[in-house]
N, C-alpha and C. Protein backbone atom coordinates (compact mmCIF):
# COMPACT_ATOMS: atom_id res chain seq x y z
N UNK A 1 28.20 -61.20 -34.54
CA UNK A 1 26.86 -60.33 -34.78
C UNK A 1 25.60 -61.26 -34.81
N UNK A 2 24.47 -60.46 -34.73
CA UNK A 2 23.19 -61.45 -34.44
C UNK A 2 22.22 -60.72 -35.41
N UNK A 3 21.74 -61.24 -36.32
CA UNK A 3 21.18 -60.61 -37.22
C UNK A 3 19.71 -60.19 -36.38
N UNK A 4 18.92 -59.18 -36.80
CA UNK A 4 17.68 -58.96 -36.47
C UNK A 4 17.01 -59.66 -37.36
N UNK A 5 16.12 -60.36 -37.15
CA UNK A 5 14.60 -60.81 -37.84
C UNK A 5 13.56 -60.10 -37.59
N UNK A 6 12.80 -59.35 -36.39
CA UNK A 6 11.92 -58.69 -36.42
C UNK A 6 11.96 -57.48 -35.19
N UNK A 7 11.42 -56.13 -35.96
CA UNK A 7 11.63 -55.48 -35.50
C UNK A 7 10.11 -54.62 -35.12
N UNK A 8 9.81 -54.50 -33.78
CA UNK A 8 8.66 -54.02 -33.22
C UNK A 8 9.01 -52.53 -32.30
N UNK A 9 7.82 -51.82 -32.34
CA UNK A 9 7.92 -50.60 -31.57
C UNK A 9 6.72 -51.06 -30.39
N UNK A 10 7.11 -51.09 -28.80
CA UNK A 10 6.08 -51.06 -28.10
C UNK A 10 6.07 -49.90 -27.20
N UNK A 11 5.38 -50.05 -25.85
CA UNK A 11 5.50 -49.50 -24.83
C UNK A 11 5.90 -49.73 -23.63
N UNK A 12 6.57 -49.36 -22.69
CA UNK A 12 6.99 -50.13 -21.34
C UNK A 12 5.58 -50.02 -20.79
N UNK A 13 5.74 -49.82 -19.62
CA UNK A 13 4.41 -49.65 -18.37
C UNK A 13 4.12 -48.43 -18.20
N UNK A 14 5.31 -47.33 -18.28
CA UNK A 14 4.81 -46.15 -18.01
C UNK A 14 4.59 -45.66 -19.47
N UNK A 15 4.43 -46.29 -20.64
CA UNK A 15 4.07 -45.79 -21.57
C UNK A 15 5.27 -44.95 -22.46
N UNK A 16 6.33 -45.45 -22.09
CA UNK A 16 7.70 -44.87 -22.98
C UNK A 16 7.84 -45.79 -24.21
N UNK A 17 8.18 -44.96 -25.16
CA UNK A 17 8.38 -45.94 -26.65
C UNK A 17 9.93 -46.74 -26.11
N UNK A 18 9.51 -47.86 -26.86
CA UNK A 18 10.60 -49.11 -26.84
C UNK A 18 10.71 -49.60 -28.18
N UNK A 19 12.00 -49.67 -28.92
CA UNK A 19 12.15 -50.52 -30.04
C UNK A 19 12.50 -51.67 -29.90
N UNK A 20 11.82 -53.06 -30.07
CA UNK A 20 12.20 -54.03 -29.64
C UNK A 20 12.77 -55.24 -30.67
N UNK A 21 13.87 -55.37 -30.67
CA UNK A 21 14.79 -56.20 -31.86
C UNK A 21 14.87 -57.81 -31.55
N UNK A 22 14.19 -58.36 -32.64
CA UNK A 22 14.43 -59.95 -32.26
C UNK A 22 14.99 -60.91 -33.04
N UNK A 23 15.57 -61.96 -32.76
CA UNK A 23 15.85 -62.92 -33.62
C UNK A 23 15.57 -64.62 -33.10
N UNK A 24 14.47 -64.84 -33.97
CA UNK A 24 13.71 -66.06 -33.15
C UNK A 24 14.95 -67.18 -33.37
N UNK A 25 15.91 -67.22 -33.90
CA UNK A 25 16.69 -68.02 -34.07
C UNK A 25 17.65 -68.46 -33.11
N UNK A 26 18.22 -67.58 -32.36
CA UNK A 26 18.62 -67.24 -31.20
C UNK A 26 18.09 -67.03 -29.97
N UNK A 27 17.11 -66.40 -30.29
CA UNK A 27 16.09 -66.42 -28.90
C UNK A 27 16.17 -64.70 -28.29
N UNK A 28 17.25 -64.16 -28.98
CA UNK A 28 17.57 -62.72 -28.63
C UNK A 28 16.29 -61.92 -28.65
N UNK A 29 15.89 -60.79 -27.87
CA UNK A 29 15.46 -59.97 -27.47
C UNK A 29 16.05 -58.90 -27.03
N UNK A 30 15.86 -57.51 -27.46
CA UNK A 30 16.63 -56.60 -26.97
C UNK A 30 15.94 -55.29 -27.21
N UNK A 31 15.42 -54.70 -26.27
CA UNK A 31 14.63 -53.88 -25.92
C UNK A 31 15.80 -52.05 -25.80
N UNK A 32 15.36 -51.26 -26.40
CA UNK A 32 15.92 -50.23 -26.78
C UNK A 32 15.25 -48.85 -26.45
N UNK A 33 14.78 -48.30 -25.56
CA UNK A 33 14.24 -47.18 -25.40
C UNK A 33 14.83 -45.58 -26.07
N UNK A 34 13.81 -45.25 -27.05
CA UNK A 34 13.83 -44.43 -28.21
C UNK A 34 12.75 -43.20 -27.89
N UNK A 35 13.17 -42.19 -28.45
CA UNK A 35 12.29 -41.13 -28.14
C UNK A 35 10.88 -41.21 -29.08
N UNK A 36 10.05 -40.28 -28.32
CA UNK A 36 8.46 -40.89 -29.40
C UNK A 36 8.61 -40.19 -30.75
N UNK A 37 9.60 -39.29 -31.32
CA UNK A 37 9.69 -39.11 -32.78
C UNK A 37 10.04 -40.14 -33.53
N UNK A 38 11.26 -40.94 -32.92
CA UNK A 38 11.88 -41.79 -34.17
C UNK A 38 10.75 -43.58 -33.87
N UNK A 39 10.26 -43.48 -32.58
CA UNK A 39 9.18 -44.17 -32.67
C UNK A 39 8.33 -44.25 -33.58
N UNK A 40 7.52 -43.19 -33.72
CA UNK A 40 6.49 -42.84 -34.55
C UNK A 40 7.28 -43.22 -36.07
N UNK A 41 8.71 -42.49 -36.10
CA UNK A 41 8.88 -42.86 -37.79
C UNK A 41 9.17 -44.49 -37.99
N UNK A 42 9.91 -44.93 -37.02
CA UNK A 42 9.94 -46.64 -37.27
C UNK A 42 8.37 -47.06 -37.55
N UNK A 43 7.50 -46.70 -36.37
CA UNK A 43 6.53 -47.63 -36.59
C UNK A 43 5.18 -47.41 -37.63
N UNK A 44 5.88 -46.19 -38.12
CA UNK A 44 4.56 -45.49 -39.41
C UNK A 44 5.07 -46.20 -40.68
N UNK A 45 6.60 -46.36 -40.86
CA UNK A 45 7.14 -47.35 -42.11
C UNK A 45 6.96 -48.66 -41.93
N UNK A 46 6.95 -49.22 -40.67
CA UNK A 46 6.45 -50.63 -40.56
C UNK A 46 4.98 -51.03 -40.95
N UNK A 47 4.47 -50.05 -40.63
CA UNK A 47 2.84 -50.24 -40.74
C UNK A 47 2.74 -49.96 -42.44
N UNK A 48 3.72 -49.29 -43.39
CA UNK A 48 3.54 -48.54 -44.67
C UNK A 48 2.45 -47.62 -44.88
N UNK A 49 2.56 -46.71 -43.77
CA UNK A 49 1.92 -45.43 -44.02
C UNK A 49 2.87 -44.51 -44.47
N UNK A 50 2.23 -43.85 -45.42
CA UNK A 50 2.92 -42.68 -45.94
C UNK A 50 2.28 -41.42 -45.47
N UNK A 51 2.83 -40.34 -45.45
CA UNK A 51 2.60 -38.95 -45.11
C UNK A 51 2.84 -38.18 -46.52
N UNK A 52 1.93 -37.01 -46.40
CA UNK A 52 2.22 -36.09 -47.87
C UNK A 52 3.38 -35.41 -47.96
N UNK A 53 4.32 -35.51 -46.90
CA UNK A 53 5.57 -34.82 -47.02
C UNK A 53 6.43 -35.52 -46.51
N UNK A 54 7.74 -35.60 -46.83
CA UNK A 54 8.85 -36.38 -46.27
C UNK A 54 9.14 -36.13 -44.80
N UNK A 55 9.13 -37.02 -43.94
CA UNK A 55 10.00 -36.54 -42.22
C UNK A 55 11.55 -36.66 -42.74
N UNK A 56 12.12 -36.49 -41.55
CA UNK A 56 13.39 -36.35 -41.61
C UNK A 56 14.12 -37.56 -42.25
N UNK A 57 13.46 -38.69 -41.50
CA UNK A 57 14.18 -40.26 -41.93
C UNK A 57 14.14 -40.63 -43.89
N UNK A 58 13.01 -39.91 -44.09
CA UNK A 58 12.30 -40.01 -45.44
C UNK A 58 13.14 -39.26 -46.05
N UNK A 59 13.98 -37.77 -45.60
CA UNK A 59 14.56 -36.98 -46.52
C UNK A 59 16.00 -37.81 -46.61
N UNK A 60 16.38 -38.53 -45.46
CA UNK A 60 17.72 -39.22 -45.48
C UNK A 60 17.97 -40.37 -46.88
N UNK A 61 17.03 -40.96 -46.39
CA UNK A 61 16.70 -41.71 -47.85
C UNK A 61 16.78 -41.64 -48.63
N UNK A 62 15.99 -40.37 -49.14
CA UNK A 62 16.08 -39.82 -50.65
C UNK A 62 17.29 -39.29 -50.94
N UNK A 63 18.23 -38.62 -49.68
CA UNK A 63 19.14 -37.78 -50.04
C UNK A 63 20.18 -38.98 -50.44
N UNK A 64 20.27 -40.75 -49.96
CA UNK A 64 21.14 -41.48 -50.10
C UNK A 64 21.12 -42.05 -51.68
N UNK A 65 19.70 -42.20 -51.88
CA UNK A 65 19.21 -42.84 -53.18
C UNK A 65 19.54 -42.25 -54.13
N UNK A 66 19.23 -40.80 -53.97
CA UNK A 66 19.59 -39.98 -54.89
C UNK A 66 21.06 -39.57 -55.54
N UNK A 67 21.83 -39.65 -54.22
CA UNK A 67 23.59 -39.98 -54.30
C UNK A 67 24.07 -41.10 -54.70
N UNK A 68 23.61 -42.05 -55.22
CA UNK A 68 23.54 -43.66 -54.92
C UNK A 68 24.13 -44.18 -54.06
N UNK A 69 24.12 -43.76 -52.72
CA UNK A 69 24.69 -44.42 -51.63
C UNK A 69 23.54 -45.73 -51.35
N UNK A 70 24.59 -46.49 -50.79
CA UNK A 70 23.70 -47.75 -50.60
C UNK A 70 24.07 -48.29 -49.20
N UNK A 71 22.80 -48.39 -48.17
CA UNK A 71 23.00 -48.82 -46.83
C UNK A 71 23.03 -49.99 -46.75
N UNK A 72 24.61 -50.66 -46.62
CA UNK A 72 24.67 -52.33 -46.70
C UNK A 72 24.37 -52.64 -45.18
N UNK A 73 24.27 -51.93 -44.16
CA UNK A 73 23.73 -52.47 -42.96
C UNK A 73 23.93 -51.39 -41.79
N UNK A 74 23.04 -51.82 -40.73
CA UNK A 74 23.30 -51.20 -39.42
C UNK A 74 24.22 -51.76 -38.21
N UNK A 75 24.26 -51.53 -37.55
CA UNK A 75 25.10 -52.54 -36.34
C UNK A 75 25.07 -51.36 -35.20
N UNK A 76 24.61 -52.52 -34.45
CA UNK A 76 24.43 -51.72 -33.15
C UNK A 76 25.46 -52.46 -32.15
N UNK A 77 26.69 -51.64 -31.93
CA UNK A 77 27.63 -52.21 -31.58
C UNK A 77 28.21 -52.06 -30.69
N UNK A 78 27.78 -51.16 -29.50
CA UNK A 78 28.35 -51.14 -28.47
C UNK A 78 27.11 -50.16 -27.42
N UNK A 79 27.52 -50.67 -25.85
CA UNK A 79 26.83 -49.96 -25.17
C UNK A 79 27.68 -49.64 -23.72
N UNK A 80 27.46 -48.25 -23.48
CA UNK A 80 28.19 -47.68 -22.56
C UNK A 80 27.42 -47.01 -21.62
N UNK A 81 27.38 -47.00 -20.29
CA UNK A 81 26.45 -46.24 -19.10
C UNK A 81 24.91 -46.11 -19.81
N UNK A 82 24.47 -47.04 -20.03
CA UNK A 82 23.36 -47.58 -20.65
C UNK A 82 23.00 -46.69 -21.87
N UNK A 83 23.60 -46.31 -22.78
CA UNK A 83 23.43 -45.33 -23.94
C UNK A 83 24.14 -46.50 -24.91
N UNK A 84 23.27 -46.90 -25.94
CA UNK A 84 23.56 -47.61 -27.17
C UNK A 84 24.06 -46.98 -28.24
N UNK A 85 25.03 -47.52 -28.91
CA UNK A 85 25.83 -46.87 -30.29
C UNK A 85 25.60 -47.86 -31.32
N UNK A 86 25.63 -46.97 -32.56
CA UNK A 86 25.24 -47.71 -33.82
C UNK A 86 26.28 -47.16 -34.97
N UNK A 87 26.26 -47.75 -35.95
CA UNK A 87 27.14 -47.52 -37.04
C UNK A 87 26.20 -48.00 -37.95
N UNK A 88 26.05 -47.04 -39.18
CA UNK A 88 25.66 -46.91 -40.67
C UNK A 88 26.78 -47.60 -41.63
N UNK A 89 26.76 -48.89 -41.88
CA UNK A 89 27.71 -48.80 -42.97
C UNK A 89 26.87 -48.67 -44.24
N UNK A 90 27.85 -48.04 -45.03
CA UNK A 90 27.54 -47.31 -46.17
C UNK A 90 28.52 -47.75 -47.30
N UNK A 91 27.73 -47.45 -48.74
CA UNK A 91 28.85 -48.00 -50.21
C UNK A 91 28.55 -47.01 -50.47
N UNK A 92 29.66 -46.24 -51.07
CA UNK A 92 29.39 -45.05 -52.05
C UNK A 92 30.96 -45.18 -52.91
N UNK A 93 30.83 -44.85 -54.16
CA UNK A 93 31.48 -44.78 -54.83
C UNK A 93 33.03 -45.77 -54.59
N UNK A 94 31.93 -47.27 -54.66
CA UNK A 94 33.12 -48.43 -54.48
C UNK A 94 33.96 -48.19 -53.20
N UNK A 95 33.76 -47.41 -52.18
CA UNK A 95 34.27 -47.23 -51.06
C UNK A 95 33.20 -47.56 -49.85
N UNK A 96 33.62 -48.27 -48.78
CA UNK A 96 32.78 -48.30 -47.79
C UNK A 96 32.82 -47.30 -46.36
N UNK A 97 32.04 -46.67 -45.91
CA UNK A 97 32.23 -45.39 -44.70
C UNK A 97 31.27 -46.07 -43.58
N UNK A 98 32.05 -45.81 -42.42
CA UNK A 98 31.17 -45.90 -41.47
C UNK A 98 30.57 -45.18 -40.50
N UNK A 99 29.74 -44.82 -40.44
CA UNK A 99 28.86 -43.42 -39.82
C UNK A 99 28.61 -43.76 -38.37
N UNK A 100 28.73 -43.33 -37.23
CA UNK A 100 28.28 -43.23 -36.19
C UNK A 100 27.05 -42.57 -36.19
N UNK A 101 25.99 -43.24 -35.44
CA UNK A 101 24.53 -42.82 -35.35
C UNK A 101 23.54 -43.10 -34.02
N UNK A 102 22.48 -42.77 -33.84
CA UNK A 102 21.82 -43.26 -32.88
C UNK A 102 21.22 -44.26 -33.24
N UNK A 103 21.29 -45.47 -32.52
CA UNK A 103 20.28 -46.70 -32.93
C UNK A 103 18.89 -46.20 -33.51
N UNK A 104 18.14 -45.61 -32.65
CA UNK A 104 16.91 -45.44 -33.22
C UNK A 104 16.88 -44.52 -34.57
N UNK A 105 17.71 -43.73 -34.69
CA UNK A 105 17.54 -43.11 -36.22
C UNK A 105 18.36 -44.11 -37.29
N UNK A 106 18.91 -44.87 -36.73
CA UNK A 106 19.48 -46.28 -37.72
C UNK A 106 18.74 -47.16 -37.93
N UNK A 107 17.74 -47.27 -36.96
CA UNK A 107 16.75 -48.62 -37.23
C UNK A 107 15.91 -47.87 -38.03
N UNK A 108 15.12 -46.54 -37.91
CA UNK A 108 14.60 -45.64 -39.06
C UNK A 108 14.84 -45.83 -40.22
N UNK A 109 16.00 -45.54 -40.47
CA UNK A 109 16.53 -45.45 -41.59
C UNK A 109 16.64 -46.95 -42.43
N UNK A 110 17.24 -47.95 -41.58
CA UNK A 110 17.20 -49.53 -41.80
C UNK A 110 15.65 -49.95 -42.62
N UNK A 111 14.86 -49.71 -41.68
CA UNK A 111 13.20 -49.96 -42.46
C UNK A 111 13.09 -49.40 -43.53
N UNK A 112 13.59 -48.23 -43.73
CA UNK A 112 12.85 -47.55 -45.22
C UNK A 112 13.96 -48.08 -46.21
N UNK A 113 14.89 -48.15 -46.04
CA UNK A 113 16.02 -48.85 -46.89
C UNK A 113 15.95 -50.24 -47.28
N UNK A 114 15.48 -51.14 -46.30
CA UNK A 114 15.16 -52.73 -46.39
C UNK A 114 16.85 -53.03 -46.11
N UNK A 115 17.55 -52.54 -45.45
CA UNK A 115 18.87 -53.08 -44.80
C UNK A 115 18.92 -53.74 -43.51
N UNK A 116 19.52 -54.50 -43.32
CA UNK A 116 19.69 -55.44 -42.14
C UNK A 116 20.54 -54.88 -41.19
N UNK A 117 19.64 -55.36 -39.73
CA UNK A 117 20.10 -54.63 -38.61
C UNK A 117 21.01 -55.71 -37.74
N UNK A 118 22.10 -55.45 -37.61
CA UNK A 118 22.96 -56.62 -36.80
C UNK A 118 23.14 -56.00 -35.08
N UNK A 119 22.87 -56.78 -34.21
CA UNK A 119 23.46 -56.70 -32.98
C UNK A 119 24.75 -57.18 -32.43
N UNK A 120 26.07 -56.69 -32.04
CA UNK A 120 26.83 -57.16 -31.49
C UNK A 120 26.62 -57.94 -30.39
N UNK A 121 27.24 -59.28 -30.60
CA UNK A 121 26.97 -60.58 -29.28
C UNK A 121 27.13 -59.84 -28.19
N UNK A 122 28.12 -59.00 -27.87
CA UNK A 122 28.46 -58.31 -26.40
C UNK A 122 27.44 -57.77 -26.23
N UNK A 123 27.08 -56.87 -27.11
CA UNK A 123 25.61 -55.84 -26.49
C UNK A 123 24.51 -56.98 -26.60
N UNK A 124 24.01 -57.98 -26.87
CA UNK A 124 23.26 -59.02 -26.72
C UNK A 124 23.22 -59.37 -25.25
N UNK A 125 24.16 -59.97 -25.13
CA UNK A 125 24.90 -60.64 -23.67
C UNK A 125 24.54 -59.77 -22.56
N UNK A 126 25.06 -58.38 -23.04
CA UNK A 126 25.06 -57.53 -21.42
C UNK A 126 23.70 -57.01 -21.67
N UNK A 127 22.76 -56.67 -22.78
CA UNK A 127 21.64 -55.97 -22.64
C UNK A 127 20.28 -56.65 -22.97
N UNK A 128 20.51 -57.90 -23.85
CA UNK A 128 19.36 -58.62 -24.27
C UNK A 128 18.62 -59.72 -23.43
N UNK A 129 17.71 -60.36 -23.90
CA UNK A 129 17.29 -61.13 -23.33
C UNK A 129 17.03 -62.44 -23.96
N UNK A 130 17.52 -63.56 -23.39
CA UNK A 130 17.56 -64.77 -23.81
C UNK A 130 16.54 -65.76 -23.30
N UNK A 131 15.73 -66.11 -23.84
CA UNK A 131 14.36 -66.91 -22.89
C UNK A 131 15.12 -68.10 -22.95
N UNK A 132 15.19 -68.71 -21.47
CA UNK A 132 15.51 -69.90 -21.10
C UNK A 132 14.48 -71.21 -21.52
N UNK A 133 14.84 -72.23 -21.83
CA UNK A 133 13.98 -73.46 -22.26
C UNK A 133 13.09 -73.84 -21.25
N UNK A 134 11.62 -73.75 -21.72
CA UNK A 134 10.94 -74.35 -20.64
C UNK A 134 10.89 -75.74 -19.75
N UNK A 135 10.59 -76.12 -19.37
CA UNK A 135 10.43 -77.68 -18.93
C UNK A 135 10.05 -78.44 -19.64
N UNK A 136 9.24 -78.41 -20.55
CA UNK A 136 8.45 -79.13 -21.85
C UNK A 136 9.74 -79.12 -22.85
N UNK A 137 10.74 -78.04 -23.10
CA UNK A 137 11.22 -77.83 -24.10
C UNK A 137 12.41 -79.05 -23.95
N UNK A 138 12.81 -78.87 -22.20
CA UNK A 138 14.01 -79.81 -21.87
C UNK A 138 13.88 -81.05 -21.68
N UNK A 139 12.45 -81.35 -21.50
CA UNK A 139 11.80 -83.08 -21.33
C UNK A 139 12.13 -83.31 -22.90
N UNK A 140 11.26 -82.66 -23.98
CA UNK A 140 11.30 -82.93 -24.94
C UNK A 140 12.76 -83.44 -25.83
N UNK A 141 13.78 -82.49 -25.32
CA UNK A 141 15.04 -82.59 -25.68
C UNK A 141 15.88 -83.87 -24.97
N UNK A 142 15.34 -84.04 -24.10
CA UNK A 142 15.80 -85.38 -23.20
C UNK A 142 15.29 -86.59 -24.05
N UNK A 143 13.86 -86.37 -24.43
CA UNK A 143 13.69 -88.01 -25.25
C UNK A 143 14.01 -87.87 -26.49
N UNK A 144 14.36 -87.23 -27.13
CA UNK A 144 15.09 -87.36 -28.32
C UNK A 144 16.63 -87.28 -28.10
N UNK A 145 17.44 -87.44 -27.53
CA UNK A 145 18.62 -87.95 -27.25
C UNK A 145 18.85 -89.19 -26.54
N UNK A 146 17.74 -89.50 -26.05
CA UNK A 146 17.70 -90.71 -24.65
C UNK A 146 18.26 -92.40 -25.51
N UNK A 147 17.78 -92.08 -26.79
CA UNK A 147 18.15 -93.48 -27.68
C UNK A 147 18.95 -93.10 -28.71
N UNK A 148 20.05 -92.01 -28.22
CA UNK A 148 21.16 -91.76 -29.20
C UNK A 148 22.38 -92.46 -28.60
N UNK A 149 22.98 -93.66 -29.44
CA UNK A 149 24.03 -94.03 -29.20
C UNK A 149 25.50 -93.52 -29.91
N UNK A 150 26.14 -93.20 -28.87
CA UNK A 150 27.76 -92.70 -29.44
C UNK A 150 28.65 -93.68 -29.61
N UNK A 151 29.23 -93.71 -31.00
CA UNK A 151 30.27 -94.55 -31.34
C UNK A 151 31.48 -94.66 -30.09
N UNK A 152 31.71 -95.78 -30.21
CA UNK A 152 33.27 -96.05 -29.19
C UNK A 152 34.30 -95.48 -29.78
N UNK A 153 35.00 -94.88 -29.03
CA UNK A 153 36.46 -94.28 -29.47
C UNK A 153 37.48 -94.95 -29.31
């Protein structure tokens, strides 16, 4: 699993909302097209905007917190026919529970509960973007290893 370090809401060229998950360590960027309501919910929380009344994801968080349920993590773990699948990993009364959920709802809840988001490596490889190193980065690497001497075997 790849731990997501950055979550952003952007728009594609047609103005459709996309949540962009990224990890600078691996270079992974995974775009997931989502609904406008979910995009608003994620963006609002990322910006720290408080509304006078709780939205659905706020209500979900409030219920979980009141009942003592901990959101351990969100896993975006499957991709079938261009549809992503996610799992909420919850702990309640000493037991771990795995709940099927949409990635957009899972991410909206994770940002509210400060829970980590993970992407399965198979999903990242199938749909993610891993930028290739630039010519400059390759040349720099080649200079670094040029003088390395390997021990004789």
